[in-house]
């Protein structure tokens, strides 16, 4: 199997032509097979039909480019309400939205923070937790996800 960055770049480049963004890729061992979970999005959102069409397209890309050795399980879905934020563009897109971040290196003894994105640029973003504002650089973010307050 090629490394995850190569798989992400190859598939992301192919999907850009259809105005679809590869938001995240998760690869896990599932017995003797690999489970590949591609989370995709586009303007207006992803439908079930989109997922079906993209599954076929991504499967073709993986086969043609010989990116995966052996058998694999392929899943394609929307990023969901707790979507991962991976790129500066994601943080910019979700300014004023609530997020939960996990840090690589703790800040003030804390390993994770929850708050709203006050601003974002190419280097990092400012998180407002309702009391304080914290400046984070992207290279210290281990994991970031939207963390909406869901009301029923």
N, C-alpha and C. Protein backbone atom coordinates (compact mmCIF):
# COMPACT_ATOMS: atom_id res chain seq x y z
N UNK A 1 0.84 -1.18 0.00
CA UNK A 1 0.00 0.00 0.00
C UNK A 1 0.88 1.24 0.00
N UNK A 2 0.49 2.20 -0.81
CA UNK A 2 1.18 3.50 -0.82
C UNK A 2 0.88 4.20 0.50
N UNK A 3 1.68 5.23 0.82
CA UNK A 3 1.44 5.95 2.06
C UNK A 3 0.14 6.77 1.94
N UNK A 4 -0.43 7.09 3.08
CA UNK A 4 -1.74 7.75 3.12
C UNK A 4 -1.72 9.10 2.40
N UNK A 5 -0.61 9.83 2.47
CA UNK A 5 -0.53 11.15 1.81
C UNK A 5 -0.63 10.99 0.29
N UNK A 6 0.03 9.96 -0.25
CA UNK A 6 -0.02 9.71 -1.70
C UNK A 6 -1.44 9.37 -2.13
N UNK A 7 -2.11 8.52 -1.34
CA UNK A 7 -3.49 8.14 -1.65
C UNK A 7 -4.39 9.38 -1.59
N UNK A 8 -4.25 10.18 -0.53
CA UNK A 8 -5.05 11.40 -0.39
C UNK A 8 -4.85 12.35 -1.56
N UNK A 9 -3.60 12.61 -1.91
CA UNK A 9 -3.30 13.55 -2.99
C UNK A 9 -3.84 13.06 -4.33
N UNK A 10 -3.66 11.78 -4.61
CA UNK A 10 -4.11 11.22 -5.89
C UNK A 10 -5.63 11.31 -6.01
N UNK A 11 -6.33 10.88 -4.97
CA UNK A 11 -7.79 10.90 -5.01
C UNK A 11 -8.32 12.34 -4.98
N UNK A 12 -7.74 13.19 -4.13
CA UNK A 12 -8.20 14.59 -4.04
C UNK A 12 -8.07 15.29 -5.38
N UNK A 13 -6.95 15.08 -6.07
CA UNK A 13 -6.74 15.70 -7.37
C UNK A 13 -7.79 15.24 -8.37
N UNK A 14 -8.10 13.95 -8.36
CA UNK A 14 -9.10 13.41 -9.29
C UNK A 14 -10.49 13.95 -8.99
N UNK A 15 -10.81 14.16 -7.72
CA UNK A 15 -12.15 14.63 -7.34
C UNK A 15 -12.35 16.12 -7.58
N UNK A 16 -11.25 16.89 -7.57
CA UNK A 16 -11.35 18.34 -7.77
C UNK A 16 -12.05 18.68 -9.08
N UNK A 17 -11.84 17.87 -10.11
CA UNK A 17 -12.46 18.10 -11.41
C UNK A 17 -13.97 18.01 -11.36
N UNK A 18 -14.50 17.37 -10.32
CA UNK A 18 -15.95 17.26 -10.15
C UNK A 18 -16.45 18.18 -9.04
N UNK A 19 -15.60 19.13 -8.64
CA UNK A 19 -15.92 20.07 -7.56
C UNK A 19 -16.27 19.36 -6.26
N UNK A 20 -15.58 18.26 -6.01
CA UNK A 20 -15.76 17.50 -4.77
C UNK A 20 -14.45 17.58 -4.00
N UNK A 21 -14.55 17.84 -2.69
CA UNK A 21 -13.37 17.94 -1.85
C UNK A 21 -13.23 16.67 -1.01
N UNK A 22 -12.02 16.14 -0.99
CA UNK A 22 -11.71 15.06 -0.06
C UNK A 22 -11.37 15.73 1.26
N UNK A 23 -12.26 15.60 2.24
CA UNK A 23 -12.09 16.25 3.53
C UNK A 23 -11.15 15.45 4.42
N UNK A 24 -11.30 14.12 4.41
CA UNK A 24 -10.52 13.28 5.31
C UNK A 24 -10.46 11.86 4.75
N UNK A 25 -9.41 11.15 5.12
CA UNK A 25 -9.25 9.74 4.79
C UNK A 25 -8.79 9.03 6.04
N UNK A 26 -9.50 7.97 6.41
CA UNK A 26 -9.13 7.15 7.55
C UNK A 26 -8.90 5.73 7.04
N UNK A 27 -7.76 5.16 7.39
CA UNK A 27 -7.44 3.79 7.00
C UNK A 27 -7.25 2.96 8.27
N UNK A 28 -7.97 1.85 8.36
CA UNK A 28 -7.89 0.97 9.52
C UNK A 28 -7.75 -0.47 9.05
N UNK A 29 -7.18 -1.31 9.89
CA UNK A 29 -7.14 -2.74 9.61
C UNK A 29 -8.49 -3.34 9.98
N UNK A 30 -9.02 -4.16 9.08
CA UNK A 30 -10.30 -4.83 9.30
C UNK A 30 -10.07 -6.31 8.99
N UNK A 31 -9.50 -7.02 9.97
CA UNK A 31 -9.11 -8.41 9.70
C UNK A 31 -7.95 -8.41 8.73
N UNK A 32 -8.09 -9.15 7.66
CA UNK A 32 -7.02 -9.22 6.64
C UNK A 32 -7.14 -8.13 5.59
N UNK A 33 -8.20 -7.36 5.68
CA UNK A 33 -8.43 -6.29 4.71
C UNK A 33 -8.16 -4.93 5.35
N UNK A 34 -8.01 -3.94 4.52
CA UNK A 34 -7.93 -2.55 4.96
C UNK A 34 -9.30 -1.92 4.76
N UNK A 35 -9.72 -1.12 5.75
CA UNK A 35 -10.94 -0.35 5.62
C UNK A 35 -10.52 1.07 5.26
N UNK A 36 -10.96 1.55 4.11
CA UNK A 36 -10.66 2.91 3.65
C UNK A 36 -11.94 3.72 3.72
N UNK A 37 -11.93 4.75 4.57
CA UNK A 37 -13.09 5.62 4.72
C UNK A 37 -12.74 7.00 4.15
N UNK A 38 -13.39 7.33 3.04
CA UNK A 38 -13.20 8.63 2.40
C UNK A 38 -14.38 9.52 2.78
N UNK A 39 -14.07 10.69 3.36
CA UNK A 39 -15.10 11.65 3.72
C UNK A 39 -15.01 12.80 2.73
N UNK A 40 -16.09 13.03 1.98
CA UNK A 40 -16.09 13.98 0.88
C UNK A 40 -17.19 15.01 1.08
N UNK A 41 -17.01 16.17 0.46
CA UNK A 41 -18.01 17.23 0.56
C UNK A 41 -17.99 18.04 -0.73
N UNK A 42 -19.07 18.75 -0.96
CA UNK A 42 -19.16 19.68 -2.10
C UNK A 42 -20.14 20.77 -1.73
N UNK A 43 -20.13 21.83 -2.50
CA UNK A 43 -21.06 22.93 -2.29
C UNK A 43 -22.48 22.37 -2.31
N UNK A 44 -23.26 22.66 -1.28
CA UNK A 44 -24.63 22.17 -1.22
C UNK A 44 -24.76 20.82 -0.54
N UNK A 45 -23.63 20.18 -0.22
CA UNK A 45 -23.66 18.90 0.50
C UNK A 45 -23.61 17.69 -0.41
N UNK A 46 -23.38 16.55 0.22
CA UNK A 46 -23.23 15.28 -0.49
C UNK A 46 -24.51 14.46 -0.30
N UNK A 47 -25.00 13.88 -1.39
CA UNK A 47 -26.19 13.02 -1.32
C UNK A 47 -25.78 11.56 -1.34
N UNK A 48 -26.73 10.69 -1.08
CA UNK A 48 -26.48 9.25 -1.15
C UNK A 48 -26.07 8.84 -2.56
N UNK A 49 -26.71 9.45 -3.56
CA UNK A 49 -26.37 9.16 -4.96
C UNK A 49 -24.92 9.59 -5.26
N UNK A 50 -24.52 10.76 -4.72
CA UNK A 50 -23.14 11.21 -4.88
C UNK A 50 -22.17 10.17 -4.31
N UNK A 51 -22.49 9.68 -3.11
CA UNK A 51 -21.62 8.70 -2.46
C UNK A 51 -21.47 7.44 -3.31
N UNK A 52 -22.57 7.00 -3.90
CA UNK A 52 -22.54 5.81 -4.75
C UNK A 52 -21.66 6.04 -5.99
N UNK A 53 -21.86 7.17 -6.66
CA UNK A 53 -21.05 7.49 -7.84
C UNK A 53 -19.58 7.66 -7.48
N UNK A 54 -19.32 8.34 -6.36
CA UNK A 54 -17.93 8.57 -5.94
C UNK A 54 -17.25 7.28 -5.47
N UNK A 55 -18.01 6.36 -4.92
CA UNK A 55 -17.43 5.06 -4.54
C UNK A 55 -16.86 4.38 -5.78
N UNK A 56 -17.63 4.36 -6.87
CA UNK A 56 -17.16 3.76 -8.11
C UNK A 56 -15.94 4.49 -8.66
N UNK A 57 -15.98 5.83 -8.62
CA UNK A 57 -14.86 6.62 -9.14
C UNK A 57 -13.59 6.38 -8.31
N UNK A 58 -13.71 6.44 -7.00
CA UNK A 58 -12.55 6.26 -6.12
C UNK A 58 -12.00 4.84 -6.26
N UNK A 59 -12.89 3.86 -6.35
CA UNK A 59 -12.45 2.47 -6.53
C UNK A 59 -11.63 2.34 -7.81
N UNK A 60 -12.09 2.98 -8.88
CA UNK A 60 -11.36 2.95 -10.15
C UNK A 60 -9.98 3.60 -10.02
N UNK A 61 -9.92 4.72 -9.31
CA UNK A 61 -8.65 5.42 -9.11
C UNK A 61 -7.67 4.53 -8.34
N UNK A 62 -8.16 3.92 -7.26
CA UNK A 62 -7.30 3.06 -6.43
C UNK A 62 -6.75 1.90 -7.26
N UNK A 63 -7.59 1.32 -8.10
CA UNK A 63 -7.17 0.19 -8.94
C UNK A 63 -6.21 0.64 -10.05
N UNK A 64 -6.57 1.71 -10.76
CA UNK A 64 -5.73 2.17 -11.88
C UNK A 64 -4.35 2.62 -11.41
N UNK A 65 -4.30 3.30 -10.28
CA UNK A 65 -3.03 3.81 -9.77
C UNK A 65 -2.30 2.80 -8.89
N UNK A 66 -2.94 1.64 -8.70
CA UNK A 66 -2.35 0.56 -7.87
C UNK A 66 -1.91 1.09 -6.49
N UNK A 67 -2.85 1.78 -5.81
CA UNK A 67 -2.55 2.44 -4.55
C UNK A 67 -2.69 1.52 -3.32
N UNK A 68 -3.46 0.43 -3.46
CA UNK A 68 -3.71 -0.46 -2.34
C UNK A 68 -3.31 -1.88 -2.73
N UNK A 69 -2.54 -2.53 -1.84
CA UNK A 69 -2.19 -3.94 -2.06
C UNK A 69 -3.24 -4.82 -1.40
N UNK A 70 -3.70 -5.83 -2.10
CA UNK A 70 -4.63 -6.78 -1.50
C UNK A 70 -6.06 -6.26 -1.45
N UNK A 71 -6.88 -7.00 -0.69
CA UNK A 71 -8.30 -6.68 -0.60
C UNK A 71 -8.53 -5.50 0.34
N UNK A 72 -9.58 -4.74 0.04
CA UNK A 72 -9.94 -3.60 0.90
C UNK A 72 -11.44 -3.40 0.88
N UNK A 73 -11.92 -2.71 1.90
CA UNK A 73 -13.32 -2.30 2.00
C UNK A 73 -13.32 -0.79 1.81
N UNK A 74 -14.17 -0.32 0.92
CA UNK A 74 -14.21 1.10 0.60
C UNK A 74 -15.53 1.72 1.07
N UNK A 75 -15.43 2.78 1.84
CA UNK A 75 -16.60 3.53 2.28
C UNK A 75 -16.43 4.99 1.87
N UNK A 76 -17.48 5.56 1.31
CA UNK A 76 -17.48 6.98 0.94
C UNK A 76 -18.70 7.61 1.59
N UNK A 77 -18.48 8.69 2.34
CA UNK A 77 -19.61 9.34 3.00
C UNK A 77 -19.34 10.83 3.18
N UNK A 78 -20.37 11.53 3.63
CA UNK A 78 -20.20 12.94 3.95
C UNK A 78 -19.41 13.04 5.24
N UNK A 79 -18.81 14.20 5.51
CA UNK A 79 -18.03 14.35 6.74
C UNK A 79 -18.90 14.41 8.00
N UNK A 80 -20.20 14.62 7.86
CA UNK A 80 -21.09 14.64 9.01
C UNK A 80 -21.03 15.95 9.78
N UNK A 81 -21.85 16.03 10.84
CA UNK A 81 -21.94 17.27 11.61
C UNK A 81 -20.70 17.54 12.43
N UNK A 82 -19.94 16.50 12.75
CA UNK A 82 -18.70 16.68 13.52
C UNK A 82 -17.50 16.53 12.60
N UNK A 83 -17.59 17.12 11.41
CA UNK A 83 -16.57 16.97 10.38
C UNK A 83 -15.20 17.39 10.87
N UNK A 84 -14.20 16.73 10.33
CA UNK A 84 -12.81 17.05 10.65
C UNK A 84 -12.42 18.34 9.95
N UNK A 85 -11.58 19.12 10.62
CA UNK A 85 -10.99 20.32 10.03
C UNK A 85 -9.52 20.02 9.85
N UNK A 86 -9.06 19.99 8.62
CA UNK A 86 -7.69 19.57 8.33
C UNK A 86 -6.81 20.66 7.73
N UNK A 87 -7.42 21.58 7.01
CA UNK A 87 -6.67 22.58 6.25
C UNK A 87 -7.01 23.98 6.71
N UNK A 88 -6.13 24.95 6.49
CA UNK A 88 -6.47 26.34 6.82
C UNK A 88 -7.82 26.77 6.21
N UNK A 89 -8.11 26.32 5.00
CA UNK A 89 -9.38 26.69 4.34
C UNK A 89 -10.58 26.21 5.15
N UNK A 90 -10.46 25.05 5.81
CA UNK A 90 -11.56 24.55 6.63
C UNK A 90 -11.82 25.47 7.81
N UNK A 91 -10.74 25.91 8.46
CA UNK A 91 -10.89 26.80 9.62
C UNK A 91 -11.49 28.14 9.19
N UNK A 92 -11.07 28.64 8.03
CA UNK A 92 -11.62 29.90 7.51
C UNK A 92 -13.10 29.74 7.17
N UNK A 93 -13.45 28.60 6.61
CA UNK A 93 -14.83 28.33 6.20
C UNK A 93 -15.77 28.29 7.41
N UNK A 94 -15.25 27.87 8.56
CA UNK A 94 -16.12 27.68 9.72
C UNK A 94 -15.87 28.69 10.84
N UNK A 95 -15.48 29.92 10.46
CA UNK A 95 -15.36 31.01 11.43
C UNK A 95 -16.73 31.20 12.09
N UNK A 96 -16.72 31.43 13.40
CA UNK A 96 -17.92 31.58 14.23
C UNK A 96 -18.64 30.27 14.51
N UNK A 97 -18.04 29.16 14.11
CA UNK A 97 -18.61 27.84 14.43
C UNK A 97 -17.87 27.25 15.63
N UNK A 98 -18.56 26.42 16.38
CA UNK A 98 -17.99 25.76 17.56
C UNK A 98 -17.15 24.56 17.13
N UNK A 99 -15.95 24.46 17.72
CA UNK A 99 -15.04 23.36 17.40
C UNK A 99 -14.45 22.77 18.69
N UNK A 100 -13.95 21.55 18.55
CA UNK A 100 -13.19 20.90 19.63
C UNK A 100 -11.85 20.53 19.01
N UNK A 101 -10.76 20.93 19.66
CA UNK A 101 -9.44 20.63 19.15
C UNK A 101 -8.63 19.85 20.19
N UNK A 102 -7.78 18.98 19.69
CA UNK A 102 -6.84 18.24 20.53
C UNK A 102 -5.45 18.67 20.07
N UNK A 103 -4.61 19.03 21.03
CA UNK A 103 -3.27 19.54 20.73
C UNK A 103 -2.22 18.45 20.76
N UNK A 104 -1.16 18.64 19.98
CA UNK A 104 0.01 17.77 20.05
C UNK A 104 0.79 18.08 21.32
N UNK A 105 0.97 19.38 21.59
CA UNK A 105 1.68 19.85 22.79
C UNK A 105 0.74 20.71 23.60
N UNK A 106 0.50 20.35 24.86
CA UNK A 106 -0.46 21.09 25.69
C UNK A 106 -0.14 22.58 25.80
N UNK A 107 -1.19 23.37 26.00
CA UNK A 107 -1.07 24.81 26.21
C UNK A 107 -1.67 25.09 27.59
N UNK A 108 -0.89 25.72 28.44
CA UNK A 108 -1.33 26.03 29.80
C UNK A 108 -1.84 24.78 30.52
N UNK A 109 -1.17 23.64 30.27
CA UNK A 109 -1.52 22.39 30.92
C UNK A 109 -2.75 21.68 30.36
N UNK A 110 -3.31 22.23 29.29
CA UNK A 110 -4.51 21.64 28.69
C UNK A 110 -4.19 21.00 27.34
N UNK A 111 -4.75 19.82 27.13
CA UNK A 111 -4.52 19.11 25.87
C UNK A 111 -5.63 19.29 24.85
N UNK A 112 -6.80 19.78 25.30
CA UNK A 112 -7.88 20.02 24.34
C UNK A 112 -8.66 21.27 24.74
N UNK A 113 -9.29 21.87 23.74
CA UNK A 113 -10.05 23.10 23.93
C UNK A 113 -11.34 23.01 23.12
N UNK A 114 -12.38 23.68 23.60
CA UNK A 114 -13.64 23.81 22.88
C UNK A 114 -14.00 25.29 22.86
N UNK A 115 -14.46 25.75 21.71
CA UNK A 115 -14.86 27.14 21.57
C UNK A 115 -15.22 27.44 20.13
N UNK A 116 -15.35 28.72 19.81
CA UNK A 116 -15.67 29.10 18.44
C UNK A 116 -14.43 29.68 17.77
N UNK A 117 -14.35 29.48 16.48
CA UNK A 117 -13.23 30.03 15.70
C UNK A 117 -13.52 31.52 15.50
N UNK A 118 -12.68 32.36 16.10
CA UNK A 118 -12.87 33.81 15.99
C UNK A 118 -12.29 34.34 14.68
N UNK A 119 -11.14 33.79 14.27
CA UNK A 119 -10.52 34.17 13.01
C UNK A 119 -9.53 33.09 12.61
N UNK A 120 -9.14 33.08 11.33
CA UNK A 120 -8.20 32.08 10.84
C UNK A 120 -7.44 32.64 9.65
N UNK A 121 -6.18 32.24 9.53
CA UNK A 121 -5.37 32.60 8.37
C UNK A 121 -4.56 31.37 7.96
N UNK A 122 -3.53 31.57 7.16
CA UNK A 122 -2.74 30.43 6.66
C UNK A 122 -1.85 29.80 7.73
N UNK A 123 -1.56 30.53 8.80
CA UNK A 123 -0.64 30.04 9.84
C UNK A 123 -1.35 29.37 11.01
N UNK A 124 -2.54 29.89 11.36
CA UNK A 124 -3.24 29.39 12.53
C UNK A 124 -4.59 30.07 12.68
N UNK A 125 -5.16 29.92 13.88
CA UNK A 125 -6.48 30.47 14.13
C UNK A 125 -6.61 30.89 15.59
N UNK A 126 -7.61 31.71 15.84
CA UNK A 126 -7.92 32.15 17.21
C UNK A 126 -9.21 31.49 17.63
N UNK A 127 -9.17 30.86 18.80
CA UNK A 127 -10.32 30.17 19.37
C UNK A 127 -10.82 30.96 20.57
N UNK A 128 -12.11 31.22 20.60
CA UNK A 128 -12.73 31.94 21.71
C UNK A 128 -13.57 30.94 22.50
N UNK A 129 -13.20 30.73 23.78
CA UNK A 129 -13.93 29.75 24.60
C UNK A 129 -15.05 30.40 25.43
N UNK A 130 -15.34 31.66 25.15
CA UNK A 130 -16.38 32.36 25.87
C UNK A 130 -15.82 33.23 27.00
N UNK A 131 -14.61 32.91 27.43
CA UNK A 131 -13.94 33.67 28.48
C UNK A 131 -12.63 34.26 27.97
N UNK A 132 -11.87 33.42 27.28
CA UNK A 132 -10.55 33.81 26.77
C UNK A 132 -10.43 33.50 25.29
N UNK A 133 -9.42 34.13 24.67
CA UNK A 133 -9.08 33.80 23.29
C UNK A 133 -7.70 33.18 23.28
N UNK A 134 -7.55 32.12 22.50
CA UNK A 134 -6.29 31.41 22.39
C UNK A 134 -5.86 31.38 20.93
N UNK A 135 -4.56 31.60 20.71
CA UNK A 135 -4.00 31.57 19.37
C UNK A 135 -3.32 30.22 19.15
N UNK A 136 -3.74 29.48 18.14
CA UNK A 136 -3.18 28.16 17.85
C UNK A 136 -2.55 28.14 16.46
N UNK A 137 -1.41 27.51 16.35
CA UNK A 137 -0.78 27.26 15.05
C UNK A 137 -1.25 25.89 14.58
N UNK A 138 -1.48 25.75 13.28
CA UNK A 138 -1.97 24.48 12.73
C UNK A 138 -1.02 23.31 13.03
N UNK A 139 0.29 23.58 13.07
CA UNK A 139 1.23 22.47 13.28
C UNK A 139 1.17 21.89 14.70
N UNK A 140 0.42 22.52 15.61
CA UNK A 140 0.24 21.96 16.96
C UNK A 140 -1.12 21.29 17.13
N UNK A 141 -1.89 21.20 16.05
CA UNK A 141 -3.22 20.60 16.13
C UNK A 141 -3.11 19.12 15.75
N UNK A 142 -3.45 18.28 16.70
CA UNK A 142 -3.48 16.83 16.47
C UNK A 142 -4.78 16.44 15.78
N UNK A 143 -5.88 17.05 16.25
CA UNK A 143 -7.20 16.72 15.72
C UNK A 143 -8.12 17.91 15.96
N UNK A 144 -8.94 18.24 14.96
CA UNK A 144 -9.92 19.31 15.10
C UNK A 144 -11.22 18.89 14.42
N UNK A 145 -12.32 19.11 15.12
CA UNK A 145 -13.64 18.75 14.58
C UNK A 145 -14.64 19.83 14.93
N UNK A 146 -15.63 19.99 14.04
CA UNK A 146 -16.76 20.83 14.40
C UNK A 146 -17.42 20.18 15.62
N UNK A 147 -17.96 20.99 16.50
CA UNK A 147 -18.59 20.49 17.72
C UNK A 147 -19.90 21.24 17.94
N UNK A 148 -20.85 21.04 17.03
CA UNK A 148 -22.09 21.81 17.13
C UNK A 148 -22.91 21.42 18.36
N UNK A 149 -23.67 22.38 18.84
CA UNK A 149 -24.63 22.11 19.91
C UNK A 149 -25.90 21.67 19.20
N UNK A 150 -26.25 20.41 19.38
CA UNK A 150 -27.43 19.86 18.71
C UNK A 150 -28.63 19.96 19.64
N UNK A 151 -29.67 20.60 19.17
CA UNK A 151 -30.88 20.76 19.96
C UNK A 151 -31.98 19.92 19.35
N UNK A 152 -32.69 19.19 20.20
CA UNK A 152 -33.77 18.33 19.73
C UNK A 152 -35.11 18.79 20.27
